[in-house]
């Protein structure tokens, strides 16, 4: 009978944030796979847990993953941990989960700390709707395309960033989104935890004066109602009423629904729009 795979969330800084269930699982499994075995060993030693450790990271995820799957199919249970936080979030744990599902192996998530959730709830920005983007692409083209795809995103946007890339990322965000509000959260749950709530321009100025230290979670304000209305006005000034109606018809709206939508957006009577688009 096959064993199980447990995705065990571990502290993102403060070791006191480990859960009782996480400790129970780490003590009970046959072996533990870790992104950085040296980092995980510190955690295990702190809680006096002695278990075989194997390496599982981005550069060996398929080779190591196959070995893990083989052992689990033979009856062993294992725990996967990341350096800090929840495995599978911006790390290779996602690949192991897919391999496990393909082999009918049961996977269990053991809840615990996640950096982006902790940052979001203290950011002061909208928490009711948000989108997690993780790390941006390094190459210019991929980065530009990713950011441009988020231009009309109304939800709060969350990024991860390393300290040596922070200044470049802030500049790119400012160029793409303008001077929106942002919360920069670093060293979460640690001794020097810091939350900087400001605008993108203020953030850029801040880190021109001091060197960024620690891993960052960036919580960026989504497209505001005011920004959305301004963009709509700019768009409407560039296209005719007829083009506006055609645009919605091409998107799948009926002619009458398109007319109603255009009349509402332009704040003019439906009858006026109807007369202008009789030939469509």
C-alpha atoms as a PDB file:
ATOM      1  CA  UNK A   1       0.000   0.000   0.000  1.00  0.00           C
ATOM      2  CA  UNK A   2       1.294   3.446  -0.966  1.00  0.00           C
ATOM      3  CA  UNK A   3       2.211   5.989   1.653  1.00  0.00           C
ATOM      4  CA  UNK A   4       1.183   9.635   1.788  1.00  0.00           C
ATOM      5  CA  UNK A   5       2.716  12.991   0.879  1.00  0.00           C
ATOM      6  CA  UNK A   6       2.296  15.857   3.334  1.00  0.00           C
ATOM      7  CA  UNK A   7       2.916  19.484   2.362  1.00  0.00           C
ATOM      8  CA  UNK A   8       3.976  20.954   5.690  1.00  0.00           C
ATOM      9  CA  UNK A   9       3.941  24.726   6.217  1.00  0.00           C
ATOM     10  CA  UNK A  10       6.817  25.912   8.394  1.00  0.00           C
ATOM     11  CA  UNK A  11       7.511  29.295  10.066  1.00  0.00           C
ATOM     12  CA  UNK A  12       8.462  32.242   7.857  1.00  0.00           C
ATOM     13  CA  UNK A  13      10.644  33.655  10.606  1.00  0.00           C
ATOM     14  CA  UNK A  14       9.408  33.106  14.142  1.00  0.00           C
ATOM     15  CA  UNK A  15       9.803  29.434  15.116  1.00  0.00           C
ATOM     16  CA  UNK A  16       6.935  29.832  17.566  1.00  0.00           C
ATOM     17  CA  UNK A  17       4.552  29.869  14.601  1.00  0.00           C
ATOM     18  CA  UNK A  18       4.963  26.122  13.951  1.00  0.00           C
ATOM     19  CA  UNK A  19       1.693  24.235  14.478  1.00  0.00           C
ATOM     20  CA  UNK A  20       1.230  21.194  16.695  1.00  0.00           C
ATOM     21  CA  UNK A  21      -0.006  19.216  13.703  1.00  0.00           C
ATOM     22  CA  UNK A  22       3.073  20.178  11.657  1.00  0.00           C
ATOM     23  CA  UNK A  23       5.334  18.871  14.428  1.00  0.00           C
ATOM     24  CA  UNK A  24       3.280  15.680  14.679  1.00  0.00           C
ATOM     25  CA  UNK A  25       3.596  15.019  10.936  1.00  0.00           C
ATOM     26  CA  UNK A  26       7.325  15.800  10.815  1.00  0.00           C
ATOM     27  CA  UNK A  27       7.882  13.307  13.649  1.00  0.00           C
ATOM     28  CA  UNK A  28       5.755  10.568  12.083  1.00  0.00           C
ATOM     29  CA  UNK A  29       6.886  10.445   8.429  1.00  0.00           C
ATOM     30  CA  UNK A  30       9.648   8.191   7.114  1.00  0.00           C
ATOM     31  CA  UNK A  31      11.618  11.019   5.524  1.00  0.00           C
ATOM     32  CA  UNK A  32      11.509  14.764   4.777  1.00  0.00           C
ATOM     33  CA  UNK A  33      12.232  16.501   1.467  1.00  0.00           C
ATOM     34  CA  UNK A  34      13.482  20.074   1.777  1.00  0.00           C
ATOM     35  CA  UNK A  35      14.342  22.936  -0.544  1.00  0.00           C
ATOM     36  CA  UNK A  36      17.436  23.648   1.564  1.00  0.00           C
ATOM     37  CA  UNK A  37      18.359  20.757   3.872  1.00  0.00           C
ATOM     38  CA  UNK A  38      20.693  22.960   5.949  1.00  0.00           C
ATOM     39  CA  UNK A  39      17.883  25.411   6.687  1.00  0.00           C
ATOM     40  CA  UNK A  40      15.428  22.630   7.512  1.00  0.00           C
ATOM     41  CA  UNK A  41      17.963  20.908   9.761  1.00  0.00           C
ATOM     42  CA  UNK A  42      18.015  24.010  11.976  1.00  0.00           C
ATOM     43  CA  UNK A  43      14.234  23.767  12.328  1.00  0.00           C
ATOM     44  CA  UNK A  44      14.303  20.028  13.084  1.00  0.00           C
ATOM     45  CA  UNK A  45      17.124  20.385  15.610  1.00  0.00           C
ATOM     46  CA  UNK A  46      15.225  23.174  17.387  1.00  0.00           C
ATOM     47  CA  UNK A  47      12.259  20.825  17.917  1.00  0.00           C
ATOM     48  CA  UNK A  48      14.472  17.749  18.496  1.00  0.00           C
ATOM     49  CA  UNK A  49      13.180  15.901  15.443  1.00  0.00           C
ATOM     50  CA  UNK A  50      15.519  13.376  13.832  1.00  0.00           C
ATOM     51  CA  UNK A  51      14.448  12.253  10.357  1.00  0.00           C
ATOM     52  CA  UNK A  52      16.317  11.455   7.114  1.00  0.00           C
ATOM     53  CA  UNK A  53      16.511  14.556   4.904  1.00  0.00           C
ATOM     54  CA  UNK A  54      16.696  14.625   1.114  1.00  0.00           C
ATOM     55  CA  UNK A  55      17.092  17.578  -1.225  1.00  0.00           C
ATOM     56  CA  UNK A  56      14.187  18.691  -3.423  1.00  0.00           C
ATOM     57  CA  UNK A  57      14.515  22.025  -5.230  1.00  0.00           C
ATOM     58  CA  UNK A  58      13.932  23.759  -8.571  1.00  0.00           C
ATOM     59  CA  UNK A  59      17.006  22.276 -10.235  1.00  0.00           C
ATOM     60  CA  UNK A  60      16.409  18.628  -9.271  1.00  0.00           C
ATOM     61  CA  UNK A  61      12.593  18.555  -8.919  1.00  0.00           C
ATOM     62  CA  UNK A  62      12.010  15.906 -11.584  1.00  0.00           C
ATOM     63  CA  UNK A  63      14.926  13.607 -10.767  1.00  0.00           C
ATOM     64  CA  UNK A  64      14.383  13.879  -7.002  1.00  0.00           C
ATOM     65  CA  UNK A  65      10.613  13.818  -7.502  1.00  0.00           C
ATOM     66  CA  UNK A  66      10.766  10.444  -9.259  1.00  0.00           C
ATOM     67  CA  UNK A  67      12.769   8.991  -6.361  1.00  0.00           C
ATOM     68  CA  UNK A  68      10.260  10.387  -3.863  1.00  0.00           C
ATOM     69  CA  UNK A  69       7.292   8.962  -5.785  1.00  0.00           C
ATOM     70  CA  UNK A  70       8.987   5.535  -5.987  1.00  0.00           C
ATOM     71  CA  UNK A  71       9.556   5.432  -2.215  1.00  0.00           C
ATOM     72  CA  UNK A  72       6.002   6.559  -1.453  1.00  0.00           C
ATOM     73  CA  UNK A  73       4.543   3.950  -3.831  1.00  0.00           C
ATOM     74  CA  UNK A  74       6.567   1.362  -1.899  1.00  0.00           C
ATOM     75  CA  UNK A  75       4.797   2.365   1.310  1.00  0.00           C
ATOM     76  CA  UNK A  76       6.796   5.219   2.838  1.00  0.00           C
ATOM     77  CA  UNK A  77       5.175   8.516   3.831  1.00  0.00           C
ATOM     78  CA  UNK A  78       7.046  11.790   3.452  1.00  0.00           C
ATOM     79  CA  UNK A  79       6.796  15.478   4.289  1.00  0.00           C
ATOM     80  CA  UNK A  80       7.729  18.254   1.894  1.00  0.00           C
ATOM     81  CA  UNK A  81       8.882  21.564   3.362  1.00  0.00           C
ATOM     82  CA  UNK A  82      10.142  24.752   1.777  1.00  0.00           C
ATOM     83  CA  UNK A  83      12.706  27.174   3.237  1.00  0.00           C
ATOM     84  CA  UNK A  84       9.896  29.074   4.920  1.00  0.00           C
ATOM     85  CA  UNK A  85       6.132  29.144   4.586  1.00  0.00           C
ATOM     86  CA  UNK A  86       3.866  26.848   2.600  1.00  0.00           C
ATOM     87  CA  UNK A  87       5.285  24.420  -0.001  1.00  0.00           C
ATOM     88  CA  UNK A  88       3.847  24.793  -3.493  1.00  0.00           C
ATOM     89  CA  UNK A  89       3.629  28.604  -3.351  1.00  0.00           C
ATOM     90  CA  UNK A  90       6.292  29.978  -5.727  1.00  0.00           C
ATOM     91  CA  UNK A  91       8.420  26.856  -5.306  1.00  0.00           C
ATOM     92  CA  UNK A  92       8.795  23.428  -6.968  1.00  0.00           C
ATOM     93  CA  UNK A  93       6.312  21.717  -4.642  1.00  0.00           C
ATOM     94  CA  UNK A  94       3.706  22.193  -7.365  1.00  0.00           C
ATOM     95  CA  UNK A  95       5.556  19.705  -9.601  1.00  0.00           C
ATOM     96  CA  UNK A  96       5.648  17.025  -6.884  1.00  0.00           C
ATOM     97  CA  UNK A  97       1.909  17.382  -6.262  1.00  0.00           C
ATOM     98  CA  UNK A  98       1.209  16.813  -9.971  1.00  0.00           C
ATOM     99  CA  UNK A  99       3.438  13.723 -10.003  1.00  0.00           C
ATOM    100  CA  UNK A 100       1.691  12.367  -6.902  1.00  0.00           C
ATOM    101  CA  UNK A 101      -1.776  12.848  -8.413  1.00  0.00           C
ATOM    102  CA  UNK A 102      -0.676  11.091 -11.617  1.00  0.00           C
ATOM    103  CA  UNK A 103       0.363   8.112  -9.470  1.00  0.00           C
ATOM    104  CA  UNK A 104      -2.830   8.085  -7.337  1.00  0.00           C
ATOM    105  CA  UNK A 105      -0.909   9.075  -4.213  1.00  0.00           C
ATOM    106  CA  UNK A 106      -2.847  10.959  -1.546  1.00  0.00           C
ATOM    107  CA  UNK A 107      -1.568  14.451  -0.826  1.00  0.00           C
ATOM    108  CA  UNK A 108      -2.417  16.339   2.366  1.00  0.00           C
ATOM    109  CA  UNK A 109      -1.810  20.032   3.063  1.00  0.00           C
ATOM    110  CA  UNK A 110      -0.784  20.891   6.618  1.00  0.00           C
ATOM    111  CA  UNK A 111      -1.821  24.552   7.084  1.00  0.00           C
ATOM    112  CA  UNK A 112       0.483  27.150   8.527  1.00  0.00           C
ATOM    113  CA  UNK A 113       2.280  30.418   7.761  1.00  0.00           C
ATOM    114  CA  UNK A 114       2.240  31.918   4.256  1.00  0.00           C
ATOM    115  CA  UNK A 115       4.146  35.161   3.737  1.00  0.00           C
ATOM    116  CA  UNK A 116       1.763  36.781   1.241  1.00  0.00           C
ATOM    117  CA  UNK A 117      -1.324  36.268   3.441  1.00  0.00           C
ATOM    118  CA  UNK A 118       0.452  37.734   6.451  1.00  0.00           C
ATOM    119  CA  UNK A 119       1.591  40.730   4.382  1.00  0.00           C
ATOM    120  CA  UNK A 120      -1.856  41.286   2.864  1.00  0.00           C
ATOM    121  CA  UNK A 121      -3.705  41.452   6.177  1.00  0.00           C
ATOM    122  CA  UNK A 122      -1.377  44.140   7.572  1.00  0.00           C
ATOM    123  CA  UNK A 123      -1.064  46.138   4.333  1.00  0.00           C
ATOM    124  CA  UNK A 124      -4.056  48.412   4.872  1.00  0.00           C
ATOM    125  CA  UNK A 125      -5.150  47.738   1.273  1.00  0.00           C
ATOM    126  CA  UNK A 126      -8.252  45.882   0.059  1.00  0.00           C
ATOM    127  CA  UNK A 127      -8.203  42.263   1.293  1.00  0.00           C
ATOM    128  CA  UNK A 128     -11.614  41.168  -0.040  1.00  0.00           C
ATOM    129  CA  UNK A 129     -10.303  40.433  -3.538  1.00  0.00           C
ATOM    130  CA  UNK A 130      -6.665  39.904  -4.490  1.00  0.00           C
ATOM    131  CA  UNK A 131      -4.423  38.187  -7.034  1.00  0.00           C
ATOM    132  CA  UNK A 132      -1.076  36.544  -6.234  1.00  0.00           C
ATOM    133  CA  UNK A 133       1.615  36.998  -8.902  1.00  0.00           C
ATOM    134  CA  UNK A 134       4.682  35.699  -7.056  1.00  0.00           C
ATOM    135  CA  UNK A 135       8.035  36.630  -8.618  1.00  0.00           C
ATOM    136  CA  UNK A 136       8.037  38.616 -11.856  1.00  0.00           C
ATOM    137  CA  UNK A 137       9.970  37.261 -14.873  1.00  0.00           C
ATOM    138  CA  UNK A 138      13.599  38.377 -14.995  1.00  0.00           C
ATOM    139  CA  UNK A 139      13.727  39.045 -18.753  1.00  0.00           C
ATOM    140  CA  UNK A 140      12.479  42.463 -19.925  1.00  0.00           C
ATOM    141  CA  UNK A 141       9.936  41.167 -22.445  1.00  0.00           C
ATOM    142  CA  UNK A 142       8.345  38.640 -20.085  1.00  0.00           C
ATOM    143  CA  UNK A 143       8.240  41.164 -17.265  1.00  0.00           C
ATOM    144  CA  UNK A 144       6.660  43.873 -19.448  1.00  0.00           C
ATOM    145  CA  UNK A 145       4.004  41.463 -20.770  1.00  0.00           C
ATOM    146  CA  UNK A 146       3.131  40.252 -17.256  1.00  0.00           C
ATOM    147  CA  UNK A 147       2.735  43.787 -15.922  1.00  0.00           C
ATOM    148  CA  UNK A 148       0.763  45.020 -18.929  1.00  0.00           C
ATOM    149  CA  UNK A 149      -1.632  42.098 -18.493  1.00  0.00           C
ATOM    150  CA  UNK A 150      -2.373  43.477 -15.004  1.00  0.00           C
ATOM    151  CA  UNK A 151      -3.127  47.040 -16.113  1.00  0.00           C
ATOM    152  CA  UNK A 152      -6.906  46.682 -15.725  1.00  0.00           C
ATOM    153  CA  UNK A 153      -6.730  44.441 -12.631  1.00  0.00           C
ATOM    154  CA  UNK A 154      -9.046  45.843  -9.972  1.00  0.00           C
ATOM    155  CA  UNK A 155      -8.024  43.381  -7.268  1.00  0.00           C
ATOM    156  CA  UNK A 156      -5.100  44.007  -4.924  1.00  0.00           C
ATOM    157  CA  UNK A 157      -1.935  42.608  -6.561  1.00  0.00           C
ATOM    158  CA  UNK A 158       0.717  40.682  -4.614  1.00  0.00           C
ATOM    159  CA  UNK A 159       4.349  40.151  -5.647  1.00  0.00           C
ATOM    160  CA  UNK A 160       7.411  38.551  -4.056  1.00  0.00           C
ATOM    161  CA  UNK A 161      10.780  40.210  -4.567  1.00  0.00           C
ATOM    162  CA  UNK A 162      14.406  39.728  -3.546  1.00  0.00           C
ATOM    163  CA  UNK A 163      16.250  42.737  -2.072  1.00  0.00           C
ATOM    164  CA  UNK A 164      18.765  43.089  -4.933  1.00  0.00           C
ATOM    165  CA  UNK A 165      15.921  43.340  -7.491  1.00  0.00           C
ATOM    166  CA  UNK A 166      13.597  45.589  -5.481  1.00  0.00           C
ATOM    167  CA  UNK A 167      14.602  48.971  -6.929  1.00  0.00           C
ATOM    168  CA  UNK A 168      14.192  47.783 -10.518  1.00  0.00           C
ATOM    169  CA  UNK A 169      10.802  46.265  -9.731  1.00  0.00           C
ATOM    170  CA  UNK A 170       9.536  49.438  -8.060  1.00  0.00           C
ATOM    171  CA  UNK A 171      10.589  51.463 -11.115  1.00  0.00           C
ATOM    172  CA  UNK A 172       8.796  49.015 -13.431  1.00  0.00           C
ATOM    173  CA  UNK A 173       5.640  49.130 -11.317  1.00  0.00           C
ATOM    174  CA  UNK A 174       5.683  52.937 -11.322  1.00  0.00           C
ATOM    175  CA  UNK A 175       6.144  53.102 -15.111  1.00  0.00           C
ATOM    176  CA  UNK A 176       3.282  50.648 -15.651  1.00  0.00           C
ATOM    177  CA  UNK A 177       0.709  51.606 -13.005  1.00  0.00           C
ATOM    178  CA  UNK A 178       1.531  55.179 -12.089  1.00  0.00           C
ATOM    179  CA  UNK A 179       1.747  56.409  -8.511  1.00  0.00           C
ATOM    180  CA  UNK A 180      -0.451  53.826  -6.794  1.00  0.00           C
ATOM    181  CA  UNK A 181      -0.429  52.925  -3.104  1.00  0.00           C
ATOM    182  CA  UNK A 182       1.834  50.059  -2.060  1.00  0.00           C
ATOM    183  CA  UNK A 183       2.774  48.239   1.134  1.00  0.00           C
ATOM    184  CA  UNK A 184       6.304  46.819   1.280  1.00  0.00           C
ATOM    185  CA  UNK A 185       6.562  44.068   3.893  1.00  0.00           C
ATOM    186  CA  UNK A 186       9.919  42.607   4.862  1.00  0.00           C
ATOM    187  CA  UNK A 187      11.333  40.261   7.498  1.00  0.00           C
ATOM    188  CA  UNK A 188       7.790  39.236   8.463  1.00  0.00           C
ATOM    189  CA  UNK A 189       7.457  37.735  11.978  1.00  0.00           C
ATOM    190  CA  UNK A 190      11.181  38.352  12.596  1.00  0.00           C
ATOM    191  CA  UNK A 191      12.901  40.765  14.974  1.00  0.00           C
ATOM    192  CA  UNK A 192      13.304  43.511  12.351  1.00  0.00           C
ATOM    193  CA  UNK A 193       9.877  43.157  10.710  1.00  0.00           C
ATOM    194  CA  UNK A 194       9.008  46.306   8.782  1.00  0.00           C
ATOM    195  CA  UNK A 195       5.864  47.418   6.934  1.00  0.00           C
ATOM    196  CA  UNK A 196       6.241  50.495   4.718  1.00  0.00           C
ATOM    197  CA  UNK A 197       2.914  51.916   3.529  1.00  0.00           C
ATOM    198  CA  UNK A 198       3.318  54.626   0.899  1.00  0.00           C
ATOM    199  CA  UNK A 199       3.022  55.400  -2.819  1.00  0.00           C
ATOM    200  CA  UNK A 200       5.256  53.865  -5.482  1.00  0.00           C
ATOM    201  CA  UNK A 201       7.101  57.162  -5.955  1.00  0.00           C
ATOM    202  CA  UNK A 202       7.749  57.422  -2.216  1.00  0.00           C
ATOM    203  CA  UNK A 203       8.967  53.813  -2.168  1.00  0.00           C
ATOM    204  CA  UNK A 204      11.412  54.504  -5.006  1.00  0.00           C
ATOM    205  CA  UNK A 205      12.755  57.579  -3.182  1.00  0.00           C
ATOM    206  CA  UNK A 206      13.056  55.620   0.086  1.00  0.00           C
ATOM    207  CA  UNK A 207      15.224  52.886  -1.378  1.00  0.00           C
ATOM    208  CA  UNK A 208      17.453  55.316  -3.218  1.00  0.00           C
ATOM    209  CA  UNK A 209      18.454  56.467   0.266  1.00  0.00           C
ATOM    210  CA  UNK A 210      18.839  53.059   1.927  1.00  0.00           C
ATOM    211  CA  UNK A 211      19.816  49.593   0.770  1.00  0.00           C
ATOM    212  CA  UNK A 212      16.941  47.032   0.698  1.00  0.00           C
ATOM    213  CA  UNK A 213      17.492  44.168   3.141  1.00  0.00           C
ATOM    214  CA  UNK A 214      15.532  40.927   3.520  1.00  0.00           C
ATOM    215  CA  UNK A 215      12.921  39.282   1.319  1.00  0.00           C
ATOM    216  CA  UNK A 216       9.991  41.502   0.368  1.00  0.00           C
ATOM    217  CA  UNK A 217       6.276  40.967  -0.167  1.00  0.00           C
ATOM    218  CA  UNK A 218       4.797  43.824  -2.219  1.00  0.00           C
ATOM    219  CA  UNK A 219       1.086  44.574  -1.868  1.00  0.00           C
ATOM    220  CA  UNK A 220      -0.012  46.875  -4.692  1.00  0.00           C
ATOM    221  CA  UNK A 221      -3.320  48.715  -4.911  1.00  0.00           C
ATOM    222  CA  UNK A 222      -5.527  47.519  -7.781  1.00  0.00           C
ATOM    223  CA  UNK A 223      -7.151  49.733 -10.410  1.00  0.00           C
ATOM    224  CA  UNK A 224      -9.316  52.226  -8.508  1.00  0.00           C
ATOM    225  CA  UNK A 225     -12.814  53.329  -9.543  1.00  0.00           C
ATOM    226  CA  UNK A 226     -11.437  56.783 -10.352  1.00  0.00           C
ATOM    227  CA  UNK A 227      -8.643  55.337 -12.522  1.00  0.00           C
ATOM    228  CA  UNK A 228     -11.135  53.086 -14.292  1.00  0.00           C
ATOM    229  CA  UNK A 229     -13.481  55.976 -15.075  1.00  0.00           C
ATOM    230  CA  UNK A 230     -10.590  58.103 -16.329  1.00  0.00           C
ATOM    231  CA  UNK A 231      -9.398  55.304 -18.624  1.00  0.00           C
ATOM    232  CA  UNK A 232     -12.943  54.851 -19.890  1.00  0.00           C
ATOM    233  CA  UNK A 233     -13.225  58.571 -20.691  1.00  0.00           C
ATOM    234  CA  UNK A 234      -9.914  58.493 -22.546  1.00  0.00           C
ATOM    235  CA  UNK A 235     -11.028  55.444 -24.539  1.00  0.00           C
ATOM    236  CA  UNK A 236     -14.409  56.973 -25.411  1.00  0.00           C
ATOM    237  CA  UNK A 237     -12.786  60.150 -26.675  1.00  0.00           C
ATOM    238  CA  UNK A 238     -10.797  58.084 -29.168  1.00  0.00           C
ATOM    239  CA  UNK A 239     -13.644  56.054 -30.741  1.00  0.00           C
ATOM    240  CA  UNK A 240     -16.968  56.960 -32.324  1.00  0.00           C
ATOM    241  CA  UNK A 241     -20.339  55.765 -31.010  1.00  0.00           C
ATOM    242  CA  UNK A 242     -20.638  53.416 -33.979  1.00  0.00           C
ATOM    243  CA  UNK A 243     -17.202  51.885 -33.265  1.00  0.00           C
ATOM    244  CA  UNK A 244     -18.139  51.592 -29.609  1.00  0.00           C
ATOM    245  CA  UNK A 245     -21.292  49.599 -30.408  1.00  0.00           C
ATOM    246  CA  UNK A 246     -19.423  47.424 -32.926  1.00  0.00           C
ATOM    247  CA  UNK A 247     -16.821  46.619 -30.260  1.00  0.00           C
ATOM    248  CA  UNK A 248     -19.473  45.167 -27.939  1.00  0.00           C
ATOM    249  CA  UNK A 249     -21.204  43.272 -30.751  1.00  0.00           C
ATOM    250  CA  UNK A 250     -17.836  41.660 -31.606  1.00  0.00           C
ATOM    251  CA  UNK A 251     -17.501  40.692 -27.955  1.00  0.00           C
ATOM    252  CA  UNK A 252     -20.784  38.755 -28.187  1.00  0.00           C
ATOM    253  CA  UNK A 253     -23.432  41.255 -27.083  1.00  0.00           C
ATOM    254  CA  UNK A 254     -26.684  41.519 -29.068  1.00  0.00           C
ATOM    255  CA  UNK A 255     -27.158  44.772 -30.968  1.00  0.00           C
ATOM    256  CA  UNK A 256     -29.750  46.061 -28.461  1.00  0.00           C
ATOM    257  CA  UNK A 257     -27.642  45.103 -25.438  1.00  0.00           C
ATOM    258  CA  UNK A 258     -24.632  46.803 -27.019  1.00  0.00           C
ATOM    259  CA  UNK A 259     -26.708  49.957 -27.587  1.00  0.00           C
ATOM    260  CA  UNK A 260     -27.904  49.956 -23.958  1.00  0.00           C
ATOM    261  CA  UNK A 261     -24.344  49.483 -22.690  1.00  0.00           C
ATOM    262  CA  UNK A 262     -22.947  52.289 -24.858  1.00  0.00           C
ATOM    263  CA  UNK A 263     -25.777  54.658 -23.902  1.00  0.00           C
ATOM    264  CA  UNK A 264     -25.108  54.038 -20.215  1.00  0.00           C
ATOM    265  CA  UNK A 265     -21.337  54.443 -20.519  1.00  0.00           C
ATOM    266  CA  UNK A 266     -21.641  57.653 -22.558  1.00  0.00           C
ATOM    267  CA  UNK A 267     -24.569  58.953 -20.522  1.00  0.00           C
ATOM    268  CA  UNK A 268     -26.758  59.612 -23.575  1.00  0.00           C
ATOM    269  CA  UNK A 269     -30.288  58.362 -24.499  1.00  0.00           C
ATOM    270  CA  UNK A 270     -30.590  54.886 -26.041  1.00  0.00           C
ATOM    271  CA  UNK A 271     -32.705  56.330 -28.845  1.00  0.00           C
ATOM    272  CA  UNK A 272     -29.838  58.618 -29.842  1.00  0.00           C
ATOM    273  CA  UNK A 273     -27.378  55.716 -30.012  1.00  0.00           C
ATOM    274  CA  UNK A 274     -29.940  53.624 -31.932  1.00  0.00           C
ATOM    275  CA  UNK A 275     -30.330  56.274 -34.648  1.00  0.00           C
ATOM    276  CA  UNK A 276     -26.568  56.463 -35.130  1.00  0.00           C
ATOM    277  CA  UNK A 277     -26.101  52.717 -35.593  1.00  0.00           C
ATOM    278  CA  UNK A 278     -29.131  51.755 -37.734  1.00  0.00           C
ATOM    279  CA  UNK A 279     -26.861  50.386 -40.460  1.00  0.00           C
ATOM    280  CA  UNK A 280     -24.928  47.984 -38.192  1.00  0.00           C
END
